[in-house]
Amino acid sequence: MYFLELSHNDLLEEVLDKLRESDRDKLLKAYGMALRAHEWRGQRAFNLARGEGSPPIDHPVRVMYSLYKEQNVRSAEILAAALLHDVLEVSDIEKAEIEAEFGAQIASWVELLTRKKGIDRKEYAMKIKEAPYEVFLIEMAARLDNLRTAHRKNQSLQPYFNETHNHYLLFGEHRSKEHPSLRVYTDAMRMMMEGD
């Protein structure tokens, strides 16, 4: 996708330019919290760059942008939750802080998108399948972004491909009967995982 080559600032700016002022403010606050979370991650001796070589903040911004561009999402709540989808995993930010800043709904979605210690991947996948559609859609956007950048990573991602295929792609294809725009994601996932 062309937007993989753009900076997170360019992607964020494009979305912000088209939103109402109150929605822009919410997105900017979410971006600020996500940036703080990912900088904190770097200070904890994690690699400052994600596996594909870009700054950690690029991933949540691309997830947000993909929802905006490829799913036509205009809800500031969904876009903000996309920016925040992994902050509970990578930082010391807690759900209460998200709730205080963004309200109970966004905090609840972010919590559902967090794989807590002790929860295996299959259990997490079941939780996502049972979650509200907005949560499932954000998870699909995040997984698709990981697949799109997989070629830049050094380690084998076959286990991730298998997990995505078995727990998300097939369910996403089923769910696309009710939400046809989801086919953009499921078709792209299938092509990337099954293509030559």
Foldseek 3Di string as FASTA:
>chain_A
DVCVPPDLVVLLVVLLVPADPVLSVLQVVLLVLLVVLLVQLVVVVDPCAPQLGHGPQRLLSQLLSCCCPLVVDRDSLLSSLSSLQCSVPRGPDDLVVCCVSPNDVSSVLSVLSYDDPPQDLVNSLVSQLPDPPSSLSSVLSSLLSCLVSVVSGDDDCVVVLVSCVPRRLVSLVVCCVVVVSSCVSSVSSCCSSPPD
